[in-house]
N, C-alpha and C. Protein backbone atom coordinates (compact mmCIF):
# COMPACT_ATOMS: atom_id res chain seq x y z
N UNK A 1 1.14 -1.21 -0.11
CA UNK A 1 0.11 0.19 -0.08
C UNK A 1 0.98 1.12 -0.01
N UNK A 2 0.44 2.15 -0.93
CA UNK A 2 1.16 3.52 -0.84
C UNK A 2 1.27 4.20 0.51
N UNK A 3 2.29 5.12 1.12
CA UNK A 3 2.31 5.77 2.10
C UNK A 3 1.33 6.93 1.83
N UNK A 4 0.62 7.54 3.04
CA UNK A 4 0.11 8.97 2.66
C UNK A 4 0.84 9.76 2.46
N UNK A 5 0.79 10.85 1.79
CA UNK A 5 2.33 12.26 1.59
C UNK A 5 1.86 12.84 2.43
N UNK A 6 0.74 13.31 3.07
CA UNK A 6 0.20 14.46 3.99
C UNK A 6 -0.47 14.09 5.20
N UNK A 7 -1.09 15.26 5.21
CA UNK A 7 -2.35 15.05 6.14
C UNK A 7 -3.71 15.54 6.09
N UNK A 8 -3.78 16.02 4.94
CA UNK A 8 -4.79 17.05 4.72
C UNK A 8 -5.72 16.25 4.28
N UNK A 9 -7.29 16.60 4.21
CA UNK A 9 -8.44 15.58 3.90
C UNK A 9 -7.94 15.69 2.29
N UNK A 10 -7.62 15.94 1.44
CA UNK A 10 -7.34 15.81 -0.11
C UNK A 10 -6.39 14.46 0.02
N UNK A 11 -5.47 14.69 0.74
CA UNK A 11 -4.54 13.51 0.58
C UNK A 11 -5.32 12.01 1.05
N UNK A 12 -5.99 12.22 1.88
CA UNK A 12 -6.71 11.05 2.08
C UNK A 12 -7.72 10.57 1.20
N UNK A 13 -8.63 11.65 0.95
CA UNK A 13 -9.39 11.48 -0.12
C UNK A 13 -8.57 10.81 -1.22
N UNK A 14 -7.85 11.46 -2.09
CA UNK A 14 -6.88 10.67 -2.97
C UNK A 14 -6.50 9.51 -2.56
N UNK A 15 -6.01 9.31 -1.66
CA UNK A 15 -5.78 8.07 -1.09
C UNK A 15 -6.67 6.58 -1.85
N UNK A 16 -7.75 7.25 -1.01
CA UNK A 16 -9.16 6.19 -0.96
C UNK A 16 -9.55 6.13 -2.48
N UNK A 17 -9.41 6.86 -3.21
CA UNK A 17 -9.93 7.31 -4.47
C UNK A 17 -8.67 6.22 -5.31
N UNK A 18 -7.64 6.52 -5.20
CA UNK A 18 -6.61 5.69 -5.82
C UNK A 18 -6.90 3.97 -5.18
N UNK A 19 -6.71 3.51 -4.14
CA UNK A 19 -6.48 2.31 -3.60
C UNK A 19 -7.76 1.27 -4.17
N UNK A 20 -9.32 2.46 -4.11
CA UNK A 20 -10.43 1.71 -4.71
C UNK A 20 -10.09 1.50 -5.75
N UNK A 21 -9.59 2.30 -6.94
CA UNK A 21 -9.84 2.62 -8.11
C UNK A 21 -8.55 1.10 -8.74
N UNK A 22 -7.34 1.24 -7.86
CA UNK A 22 -6.44 0.16 -8.18
C UNK A 22 -6.99 -1.34 -7.97
N UNK A 23 -7.92 -1.20 -6.80
CA UNK A 23 -8.51 -2.55 -6.36
C UNK A 23 -9.46 -2.81 -7.63
N UNK A 24 -10.23 -1.92 -8.04
CA UNK A 24 -11.34 -2.50 -9.00
C UNK A 24 -10.85 -2.66 -10.38
N UNK A 25 -9.46 -2.44 -10.78
CA UNK A 25 -9.00 -2.58 -11.96
C UNK A 25 -7.91 -4.17 -11.56
N UNK A 26 -7.40 -4.26 -10.48
CA UNK A 26 -7.13 -5.64 -10.32
C UNK A 26 -8.46 -6.53 -10.34
N UNK A 27 -8.96 -6.33 -9.85
CA UNK A 27 -10.54 -7.62 -10.06
C UNK A 27 -10.81 -7.51 -11.26
N UNK A 28 -11.17 -6.33 -12.06
CA UNK A 28 -11.47 -6.25 -13.46
C UNK A 28 -10.50 -7.44 -14.43
N UNK A 29 -9.26 -7.10 -14.17
CA UNK A 29 -8.40 -7.49 -14.90
C UNK A 29 -8.11 -8.94 -14.91
N UNK A 30 -8.48 -9.24 -13.54
CA UNK A 30 -8.70 -10.99 -13.37
C UNK A 30 -9.63 -11.57 -13.82
N UNK A 31 -10.82 -10.78 -13.82
CA UNK A 31 -12.21 -11.34 -14.34
C UNK A 31 -12.35 -11.21 -16.10
N UNK A 32 -11.50 -10.18 -16.48
CA UNK A 32 -12.06 -10.09 -17.77
C UNK A 32 -13.12 -9.15 -17.79
N UNK A 33 -13.05 -8.06 -17.05
CA UNK A 33 -14.42 -7.07 -17.30
C UNK A 33 -14.08 -6.03 -16.82
N UNK A 34 -14.78 -4.83 -17.37
CA UNK A 34 -14.56 -3.23 -17.02
C UNK A 34 -14.08 -2.98 -15.80
N UNK A 35 -13.03 -2.31 -15.61
CA UNK A 35 -12.79 -1.56 -14.35
C UNK A 35 -13.71 -0.56 -14.13
N UNK A 36 -14.08 0.42 -14.79
CA UNK A 36 -14.80 1.63 -14.91
C UNK A 36 -16.30 0.84 -13.86
N UNK A 37 -16.84 -0.10 -14.78
CA UNK A 37 -18.00 -0.80 -14.22
C UNK A 37 -17.94 -1.40 -12.50
N UNK A 38 -17.08 -1.79 -12.40
CA UNK A 38 -16.29 -2.60 -11.23
C UNK A 38 -16.45 -1.17 -10.17
N UNK A 39 -15.59 -0.30 -10.67
CA UNK A 39 -15.85 0.86 -9.74
C UNK A 39 -16.89 1.43 -9.62
N UNK A 40 -17.84 1.69 -10.31
CA UNK A 40 -19.30 2.17 -10.38
C UNK A 40 -20.09 1.19 -9.49
N UNK A 41 -19.66 0.07 -9.49
CA UNK A 41 -20.64 -0.75 -8.33
C UNK A 41 -20.11 -0.78 -7.08
N UNK A 42 -19.17 -0.63 -7.06
CA UNK A 42 -18.13 -0.20 -5.50
C UNK A 42 -18.80 0.63 -5.13
N UNK A 43 -18.64 1.74 -5.85
CA UNK A 43 -19.40 3.14 -4.98
C UNK A 43 -20.75 2.92 -4.94
N UNK A 44 -21.15 2.07 -5.74
CA UNK A 44 -23.08 2.48 -5.38
C UNK A 44 -23.22 1.60 -4.09
N UNK A 45 -22.06 0.47 -3.87
CA UNK A 45 -22.16 -0.27 -2.58
C UNK A 45 -21.95 0.29 -1.15
N UNK A 46 -21.21 1.56 -1.43
CA UNK A 46 -20.57 2.02 -0.23
C UNK A 46 -21.83 2.99 0.52
N UNK A 47 -21.71 2.62 2.02
CA UNK A 47 -22.81 3.15 2.54
C UNK A 47 -22.67 3.98 3.86
N UNK A 48 -21.57 3.63 4.00
CA UNK A 48 -21.06 4.35 5.28
C UNK A 48 -19.29 4.73 5.29
N UNK A 49 -18.60 5.56 6.17
CA UNK A 49 -17.54 5.87 6.39
C UNK A 49 -17.19 5.90 7.68
N UNK A 50 -16.08 6.05 7.86
CA UNK A 50 -15.62 5.68 9.44
C UNK A 50 -14.79 7.18 9.47
N UNK A 51 -14.67 8.17 10.77
CA UNK A 51 -13.93 8.90 10.83
C UNK A 51 -14.16 9.19 12.38
N UNK A 52 -12.93 10.16 12.92
CA UNK A 52 -12.99 10.62 14.29
C UNK A 52 -13.30 11.77 14.45
N UNK A 53 -13.23 12.49 15.32
CA UNK A 53 -13.87 14.02 15.63
C UNK A 53 -12.81 14.71 15.00
N UNK A 54 -11.88 14.45 14.34
CA UNK A 54 -10.73 15.45 13.63
C UNK A 54 -11.48 16.04 12.67
N UNK A 55 -11.15 17.15 12.52
CA UNK A 55 -11.76 17.93 11.41
C UNK A 55 -11.48 17.20 10.16
N UNK A 56 -10.07 17.02 9.77
CA UNK A 56 -9.85 16.59 8.39
C UNK A 56 -10.64 15.20 8.27
N UNK A 57 -10.80 14.53 9.38
CA UNK A 57 -11.75 13.12 8.62
C UNK A 57 -13.31 13.42 8.71
N UNK A 58 -13.83 14.53 8.74
CA UNK A 58 -15.10 15.41 8.59
C UNK A 58 -15.15 15.39 7.16
N UNK A 59 -14.15 16.02 6.96
CA UNK A 59 -13.97 16.55 5.43
C UNK A 59 -14.07 15.45 4.66
N UNK A 60 -13.17 14.61 4.99
CA UNK A 60 -13.17 13.30 4.04
C UNK A 60 -14.06 12.54 4.07
N UNK A 61 -14.91 12.25 5.05
CA UNK A 61 -16.20 11.90 4.99
C UNK A 61 -17.05 12.50 3.71
N UNK A 62 -17.08 13.77 3.75
CA UNK A 62 -17.95 14.75 3.10
C UNK A 62 -17.29 14.59 1.48
N UNK A 63 -16.17 14.63 1.16
CA UNK A 63 -15.48 14.20 0.20
C UNK A 63 -15.80 12.92 -0.66
N UNK A 64 -15.81 12.06 0.54
CA UNK A 64 -16.35 10.65 0.15
C UNK A 64 -17.67 10.36 -0.66
N UNK A 65 -18.45 11.15 0.46
CA UNK A 65 -20.11 11.25 -0.01
C UNK A 65 -20.17 11.86 -1.43
N UNK A 66 -19.52 12.93 -1.82
CA UNK A 66 -19.28 13.95 -2.87
C UNK A 66 -19.06 12.69 -3.89
N UNK A 67 -18.13 11.71 -3.83
CA UNK A 67 -17.43 11.15 -4.81
C UNK A 67 -18.06 9.91 -5.14
N UNK A 68 -18.59 8.98 -4.30
CA UNK A 68 -19.42 8.37 -4.75
C UNK A 68 -21.14 8.57 -5.14
N UNK A 69 -21.52 9.87 -5.15
CA UNK A 69 -22.64 10.34 -5.66
C UNK A 69 -23.88 9.93 -4.48
N UNK A 70 -23.89 9.79 -3.62
CA UNK A 70 -24.86 9.52 -2.54
C UNK A 70 -24.91 9.98 -1.04
N UNK A 71 -25.84 9.68 -0.29
CA UNK A 71 -25.04 9.61 1.34
C UNK A 71 -24.89 8.55 1.92
N UNK A 72 -23.82 8.71 2.84
CA UNK A 72 -23.17 7.83 3.46
C UNK A 72 -23.23 7.93 5.12
N UNK A 73 -23.58 7.00 5.85
CA UNK A 73 -23.44 7.08 6.95
C UNK A 73 -22.14 7.25 7.05
N UNK A 74 -21.94 8.48 8.64
CA UNK A 74 -20.91 8.77 8.62
C UNK A 74 -20.71 8.24 10.39
N UNK A 75 -19.67 7.06 10.47
CA UNK A 75 -19.63 6.15 11.93
C UNK A 75 -18.38 6.66 12.30
N UNK A 76 -18.41 7.12 13.74
CA UNK A 76 -17.21 7.59 14.50
C UNK A 76 -16.02 6.26 15.07
N UNK A 77 -14.90 6.58 14.47
CA UNK A 77 -13.92 5.33 14.74
C UNK A 77 -12.81 6.25 14.62
N UNK A 78 -11.70 5.29 15.48
CA UNK A 78 -10.45 6.02 15.23
C UNK A 78 -9.52 5.16 14.76
N UNK A 79 -10.07 4.58 13.18
CA UNK A 79 -9.23 4.30 12.20
C UNK A 79 -9.36 4.94 11.04
N UNK A 80 -8.56 4.42 10.13
CA UNK A 80 -8.82 5.08 8.77
C UNK A 80 -9.46 4.72 8.01
N UNK A 81 -10.14 6.01 7.11
CA UNK A 81 -11.73 5.47 6.54
C UNK A 81 -11.45 4.56 5.53
N UNK A 82 -10.54 4.27 4.78
CA UNK A 82 -9.99 2.95 3.98
C UNK A 82 -10.30 1.65 4.53
N UNK A 83 -10.08 1.75 5.96
CA UNK A 83 -10.49 -0.09 6.80
C UNK A 83 -11.53 -0.06 6.29
N UNK A 84 -12.66 0.74 6.49
CA UNK A 84 -14.19 0.41 6.50
C UNK A 84 -14.33 0.20 5.31
N UNK A 85 -13.81 1.13 4.42
CA UNK A 85 -14.44 0.76 2.97
C UNK A 85 -14.00 -0.52 2.40
N UNK A 86 -12.79 -0.81 2.68
CA UNK A 86 -12.49 -2.13 2.24
C UNK A 86 -13.47 -3.48 2.72
N UNK A 87 -14.48 -3.47 3.54
CA UNK A 87 -15.51 -3.96 3.82
C UNK A 87 -16.53 -4.07 2.18
N UNK A 88 -16.98 -2.56 2.28
CA UNK A 88 -17.76 -2.65 0.84
C UNK A 88 -16.82 -3.41 0.03
N UNK A 89 -15.54 -3.07 -0.58
CA UNK A 89 -15.16 -3.62 -1.43
C UNK A 89 -15.07 -4.90 -1.49
N UNK A 90 -15.03 -5.80 -0.28
CA UNK A 90 -15.00 -7.12 -0.39
C UNK A 90 -16.23 -7.53 -0.94
N UNK A 91 -17.38 -6.97 -0.14
CA UNK A 91 -18.58 -7.14 -0.35
C UNK A 91 -19.32 -7.19 -2.06
N UNK A 92 -18.82 -6.09 -2.50
CA UNK A 92 -19.25 -5.82 -3.83
C UNK A 92 -18.40 -7.03 -4.78
N UNK A 93 -17.19 -7.29 -4.71
CA UNK A 93 -16.62 -8.32 -5.33
C UNK A 93 -17.36 -9.91 -4.88
N UNK A 94 -17.52 -10.25 -3.88
CA UNK A 94 -18.25 -11.30 -3.65
C UNK A 94 -19.49 -11.43 -4.19
N UNK A 95 -20.43 -10.01 -4.18
CA UNK A 95 -21.78 -9.73 -5.26
C UNK A 95 -21.48 -10.26 -6.38
N UNK A 96 -20.60 -9.46 -7.30
CA UNK A 96 -20.20 -9.68 -8.42
C UNK A 96 -19.94 -11.06 -8.56
N UNK A 97 -19.40 -12.11 -7.75
CA UNK A 97 -18.93 -13.10 -8.28
C UNK A 97 -20.18 -14.26 -8.11
N UNK A 98 -20.93 -13.99 -7.23
CA UNK A 98 -22.44 -14.86 -7.24
C UNK A 98 -23.24 -14.67 -8.56
N UNK A 99 -23.01 -13.19 -9.04
CA UNK A 99 -23.87 -13.20 -10.23
C UNK A 99 -23.71 -13.73 -11.38
């Protein structure tokens, strides 16, 4: 995993977008399907994000909500938002495999 270069909301949000984009591409390449469609399905299935009380994390939650294009539940926690999104990614992959 790439290190986060800074501590701003944009750094965290770009990290989330990059990792989910790369995960979608890897899954798509392994299954011979379109990466943009995989990423679109992942974004549709994201229903929550995790943050703590730090202002930067509130901004990241809002940015994630804007990026996925729908409201998401903002849960408070002390872990990186990507940890919570990884669950959504695994569910999206499992759902696609069952189809």
